[in-house]
Amino acid sequence: MKNAQAVGVKILACAMSMDVMGIKKEELIDGVDVVGVATYLGAASESNINLFI
């Protein structure tokens, strides 16, 4: 993930999914942006690759 970030990959985390899974922002690596559902889906629809876990 750090290598991906180094070449410009933007990593977004969906706040709603994090809430459902009990994940806190402090648990994420540096550089991950926590965004709302609409922002996440908008970015995912424009990306070449989307990984939803």
PDB file of N, CA and C in Angstrom:
ATOM      1  N   MET A   1       0.824  -1.178   0.000  1.00  0.00           N
ATOM      2  CA  MET A   1       0.000   0.000   0.000  1.00  0.00           C
ATOM      3  C   MET A   1       0.872   1.246   0.000  1.00  0.00           C
ATOM      4  N   LYS A   2       1.948   1.215   0.734  1.00  0.00           N
ATOM      5  CA  LYS A   2       2.842   2.380   0.753  1.00  0.00           C
ATOM      6  C   LYS A   2       3.426   2.620  -0.638  1.00  0.00           C
ATOM      7  N   ASN A   3       3.807   1.542  -1.342  1.00  0.00           N
ATOM      8  CA  ASN A   3       4.334   1.693  -2.699  1.00  0.00           C
ATOM      9  C   ASN A   3       3.268   2.259  -3.629  1.00  0.00           C
ATOM     10  N   ALA A   4       2.044   1.793  -3.480  1.00  0.00           N
ATOM     11  CA  ALA A   4       0.946   2.306  -4.301  1.00  0.00           C
ATOM     12  C   ALA A   4       0.761   3.795  -4.042  1.00  0.00           C
ATOM     13  N   GLN A   5       0.766   4.185  -2.789  1.00  0.00           N
ATOM     14  CA  GLN A   5       0.631   5.599  -2.449  1.00  0.00           C
ATOM     15  C   GLN A   5       1.789   6.416  -3.028  1.00  0.00           C
ATOM     16  N   ALA A   6       2.980   5.837  -3.032  1.00  0.00           N
ATOM     17  CA  ALA A   6       4.160   6.547  -3.527  1.00  0.00           C
ATOM     18  C   ALA A   6       4.061   6.876  -5.013  1.00  0.00           C
ATOM     19  N   VAL A   7       3.303   6.076  -5.762  1.00  0.00           N
ATOM     20  CA  VAL A   7       3.142   6.343  -7.198  1.00  0.00           C
ATOM     21  C   VAL A   7       1.821   7.031  -7.510  1.00  0.00           C
ATOM     22  N   GLY A   8       1.141   7.520  -6.467  1.00  0.00           N
ATOM     23  CA  GLY A   8      -0.038   8.340  -6.694  1.00  0.00           C
ATOM     24  C   GLY A   8      -1.392   7.685  -6.529  1.00  0.00           C
ATOM     25  N   VAL A   9      -1.424   6.436  -6.074  1.00  0.00           N
ATOM     26  CA  VAL A   9      -2.711   5.778  -5.846  1.00  0.00           C
ATOM     27  C   VAL A   9      -3.380   6.426  -4.643  1.00  0.00           C
ATOM     28  N   LYS A  10      -4.643   6.786  -4.800  1.00  0.00           N
ATOM     29  CA  LYS A  10      -5.399   7.408  -3.716  1.00  0.00           C
ATOM     30  C   LYS A  10      -6.194   6.311  -3.011  1.00  0.00           C
ATOM     31  N   ILE A  11      -6.046   6.203  -1.717  1.00  0.00           N
ATOM     32  CA  ILE A  11      -6.745   5.175  -0.946  1.00  0.00           C
ATOM     33  C   ILE A  11      -7.828   5.843  -0.115  1.00  0.00           C
ATOM     34  N   LEU A  12      -9.067   5.413  -0.354  1.00  0.00           N
ATOM     35  CA  LEU A  12     -10.220   5.952   0.354  1.00  0.00           C
ATOM     36  C   LEU A  12     -10.855   4.855   1.197  1.00  0.00           C
ATOM     37  N   ALA A  13     -11.338   5.225   2.349  1.00  0.00           N
ATOM     38  CA  ALA A  13     -12.065   4.298   3.209  1.00  0.00           C
ATOM     39  C   ALA A  13     -13.473   4.857   3.416  1.00  0.00           C
ATOM     40  N   CYS A  14     -14.462   4.017   3.266  1.00  0.00           N
ATOM     41  CA  CYS A  14     -15.853   4.420   3.437  1.00  0.00           C
ATOM     42  C   CYS A  14     -16.182   4.466   4.936  1.00  0.00           C
ATOM     43  N   ALA A  15     -16.584   5.647   5.394  1.00  0.00           N
ATOM     44  CA  ALA A  15     -16.878   5.840   6.820  1.00  0.00           C
ATOM     45  C   ALA A  15     -17.999   4.914   7.296  1.00  0.00           C
ATOM     46  N   MET A  16     -19.031   4.732   6.485  1.00  0.00           N
ATOM     47  CA  MET A  16     -20.146   3.871   6.893  1.00  0.00           C
ATOM     48  C   MET A  16     -19.692   2.422   7.047  1.00  0.00           C
ATOM     49  N   SER A  17     -18.896   1.950   6.105  1.00  0.00           N
ATOM     50  CA  SER A  17     -18.383   0.579   6.199  1.00  0.00           C
ATOM     51  C   SER A  17     -17.482   0.419   7.413  1.00  0.00           C
ATOM     52  N   MET A  18     -16.678   1.439   7.687  1.00  0.00           N
ATOM     53  CA  MET A  18     -15.816   1.384   8.870  1.00  0.00           C
ATOM     54  C   MET A  18     -16.649   1.289  10.138  1.00  0.00           C
ATOM     55  N   ASP A  19     -17.727   2.063  10.207  1.00  0.00           N
ATOM     56  CA  ASP A  19     -18.607   2.016  11.382  1.00  0.00           C
ATOM     57  C   ASP A  19     -19.205   0.623  11.565  1.00  0.00           C
ATOM     58  N   VAL A  20     -19.682   0.046  10.469  1.00  0.00           N
ATOM     59  CA  VAL A  20     -20.306  -1.283  10.525  1.00  0.00           C
ATOM     60  C   VAL A  20     -19.304  -2.336  10.998  1.00  0.00           C
ATOM     61  N   MET A  21     -18.048  -2.206  10.533  1.00  0.00           N
ATOM     62  CA  MET A  21     -17.018  -3.193  10.879  1.00  0.00           C
ATOM     63  C   MET A  21     -16.269  -2.851  12.164  1.00  0.00           C
ATOM     64  N   GLY A  22     -16.574  -1.705  12.770  1.00  0.00           N
ATOM     65  CA  GLY A  22     -15.914  -1.332  14.018  1.00  0.00           C
ATOM     66  C   GLY A  22     -14.470  -0.896  13.849  1.00  0.00           C
ATOM     67  N   ILE A  23     -14.151  -0.343  12.687  1.00  0.00           N
ATOM     68  CA  ILE A  23     -12.786   0.105  12.419  1.00  0.00           C
ATOM     69  C   ILE A  23     -12.694   1.602  12.712  1.00  0.00           C
ATOM     70  N   LYS A  24     -11.649   1.991  13.410  1.00  0.00           N
ATOM     71  CA  LYS A  24     -11.433   3.401  13.741  1.00  0.00           C
ATOM     72  C   LYS A  24     -10.351   3.979  12.833  1.00  0.00           C
ATOM     73  N   LYS A  25     -10.428   5.285  12.555  1.00  0.00           N
ATOM     74  CA  LYS A  25      -9.448   5.938  11.684  1.00  0.00           C
ATOM     75  C   LYS A  25      -8.024   5.718  12.186  1.00  0.00           C
ATOM     76  N   GLU A  26      -7.856   5.675  13.495  1.00  0.00           N
ATOM     77  CA  GLU A  26      -6.526   5.491  14.070  1.00  0.00           C
ATOM     78  C   GLU A  26      -5.911   4.145  13.685  1.00  0.00           C
ATOM     79  N   GLU A  27      -6.732   3.188  13.277  1.00  0.00           N
ATOM     80  CA  GLU A  27      -6.242   1.864  12.906  1.00  0.00           C
ATOM     81  C   GLU A  27      -5.739   1.812  11.469  1.00  0.00           C
ATOM     82  N   LEU A  28      -6.045   2.832  10.675  1.00  0.00           N
ATOM     83  CA  LEU A  28      -5.654   2.850   9.276  1.00  0.00           C
ATOM     84  C   LEU A  28      -4.228   3.367   9.122  1.00  0.00           C
ATOM     85  N   ILE A  29      -3.594   3.004   8.015  1.00  0.00           N
ATOM     86  CA  ILE A  29      -2.259   3.535   7.750  1.00  0.00           C
ATOM     87  C   ILE A  29      -2.373   5.016   7.397  1.00  0.00           C
ATOM     88  N   ASP A  30      -1.283   5.731   7.548  1.00  0.00           N
ATOM     89  CA  ASP A  30      -1.260   7.156   7.206  1.00  0.00           C
ATOM     90  C   ASP A  30      -1.565   7.336   5.725  1.00  0.00           C
ATOM     91  N   GLY A  31      -2.273   8.410   5.410  1.00  0.00           N
ATOM     92  CA  GLY A  31      -2.555   8.733   4.020  1.00  0.00           C
ATOM     93  C   GLY A  31      -3.871   8.217   3.495  1.00  0.00           C
ATOM     94  N   VAL A  32      -4.602   7.444   4.293  1.00  0.00           N
ATOM     95  CA  VAL A  32      -5.918   6.960   3.877  1.00  0.00           C
ATOM     96  C   VAL A  32      -6.946   8.026   4.231  1.00  0.00           C
ATOM     97  N   ASP A  33      -7.752   8.418   3.245  1.00  0.00           N
ATOM     98  CA  ASP A  33      -8.799   9.406   3.470  1.00  0.00           C
ATOM     99  C   ASP A  33     -10.107   8.696   3.802  1.00  0.00           C
ATOM    100  N   VAL A  34     -10.733   9.075   4.901  1.00  0.00           N
ATOM    101  CA  VAL A  34     -12.041   8.526   5.273  1.00  0.00           C
ATOM    102  C   VAL A  34     -13.091   9.455   4.675  1.00  0.00           C
ATOM    103  N   VAL A  35     -13.985   8.875   3.864  1.00  0.00           N
ATOM    104  CA  VAL A  35     -14.983   9.666   3.147  1.00  0.00           C
ATOM    105  C   VAL A  35     -16.372   9.053   3.329  1.00  0.00           C
ATOM    106  N   GLY A  36     -17.373   9.823   3.002  1.00  0.00           N
ATOM    107  CA  GLY A  36     -18.747   9.329   3.055  1.00  0.00           C
ATOM    108  C   GLY A  36     -19.050   8.383   1.908  1.00  0.00           C
ATOM    109  N   VAL A  37     -20.193   7.753   1.990  1.00  0.00           N
ATOM    110  CA  VAL A  37     -20.595   6.754   0.994  1.00  0.00           C
ATOM    111  C   VAL A  37     -20.645   7.352  -0.408  1.00  0.00           C
ATOM    112  N   ALA A  38     -21.278   8.510  -0.555  1.00  0.00           N
ATOM    113  CA  ALA A  38     -21.431   9.115  -1.884  1.00  0.00           C
ATOM    114  C   ALA A  38     -20.069   9.438  -2.502  1.00  0.00           C
ATOM    115  N   THR A  39     -19.164   9.982  -1.705  1.00  0.00           N
ATOM    116  CA  THR A  39     -17.821  10.305  -2.197  1.00  0.00           C
ATOM    117  C   THR A  39     -17.089   9.038  -2.600  1.00  0.00           C
ATOM    118  N   TYR A  40     -17.185   8.007  -1.753  1.00  0.00           N
ATOM    119  CA  TYR A  40     -16.527   6.738  -2.056  1.00  0.00           C
ATOM    120  C   TYR A  40     -17.058   6.149  -3.359  1.00  0.00           C
ATOM    121  N   LEU A  41     -18.378   6.077  -3.493  1.00  0.00           N
ATOM    122  CA  LEU A  41     -18.959   5.482  -4.693  1.00  0.00           C
ATOM    123  C   LEU A  41     -18.643   6.307  -5.939  1.00  0.00           C
ATOM    124  N   GLY A  42     -18.640   7.631  -5.797  1.00  0.00           N
ATOM    125  CA  GLY A  42     -18.285   8.477  -6.929  1.00  0.00           C
ATOM    126  C   GLY A  42     -16.864   8.238  -7.392  1.00  0.00           C
ATOM    127  N   ALA A  43     -15.939   8.167  -6.460  1.00  0.00           N
ATOM    128  CA  ALA A  43     -14.542   7.911  -6.811  1.00  0.00           C
ATOM    129  C   ALA A  43     -14.371   6.510  -7.380  1.00  0.00           C
ATOM    130  N   ALA A  44     -15.062   5.537  -6.808  1.00  0.00           N
ATOM    131  CA  ALA A  44     -14.949   4.148  -7.278  1.00  0.00           C
ATOM    132  C   ALA A  44     -15.467   4.010  -8.709  1.00  0.00           C
ATOM    133  N   SER A  45     -16.517   4.744  -9.037  1.00  0.00           N
ATOM    134  CA  SER A  45     -17.088   4.637 -10.383  1.00  0.00           C
ATOM    135  C   SER A  45     -16.162   5.229 -11.440  1.00  0.00           C
ATOM    136  N   GLU A  46     -15.253   6.111 -11.027  1.00  0.00           N
ATOM    137  CA  GLU A  46     -14.317   6.741 -11.961  1.00  0.00           C
ATOM    138  C   GLU A  46     -12.945   6.071 -11.985  1.00  0.00           C
ATOM    139  N   SER A  47     -12.748   5.076 -11.130  1.00  0.00           N
ATOM    140  CA  SER A  47     -11.429   4.454 -11.041  1.00  0.00           C
ATOM    141  C   SER A  47     -11.309   3.268 -11.975  1.00  0.00           C
ATOM    142  N   ASN A  48     -10.064   2.919 -12.291  1.00  0.00           N
ATOM    143  CA  ASN A  48      -9.807   1.733 -13.111  1.00  0.00           C
ATOM    144  C   ASN A  48      -9.928   0.468 -12.285  1.00  0.00           C
ATOM    145  N   ILE A  49      -9.558   0.556 -11.020  1.00  0.00           N
ATOM    146  CA  ILE A  49      -9.598  -0.596 -10.122  1.00  0.00           C
ATOM    147  C   ILE A  49     -10.210  -0.159  -8.808  1.00  0.00           C
ATOM    148  N   ASN A  50     -11.094  -0.988  -8.283  1.00  0.00           N
ATOM    149  CA  ASN A  50     -11.736  -0.705  -7.001  1.00  0.00           C
ATOM    150  C   ASN A  50     -11.701  -1.980  -6.179  1.00  0.00           C
ATOM    151  N   LEU A  51     -11.212  -1.890  -4.972  1.00  0.00           N
ATOM    152  CA  LEU A  51     -11.181  -3.037  -4.070  1.00  0.00           C
ATOM    153  C   LEU A  51     -12.006  -2.692  -2.860  1.00  0.00           C
ATOM    154  N   PHE A  52     -13.077  -3.428  -2.671  1.00  0.00           N
ATOM    155  CA  PHE A  52     -13.943  -3.202  -1.511  1.00  0.00           C
ATOM    156  C   PHE A  52     -13.802  -4.398  -0.588  1.00  0.00           C
ATOM    157  N   ILE A  53     -13.365  -4.148   0.629  1.00  0.00           N
ATOM    158  CA  ILE A  53     -13.190  -5.238   1.598  1.00  0.00           C
ATOM    159  C   ILE A  53     -14.177  -5.025   2.721  1.00  0.00           C
TER     160      ILE A  53
END
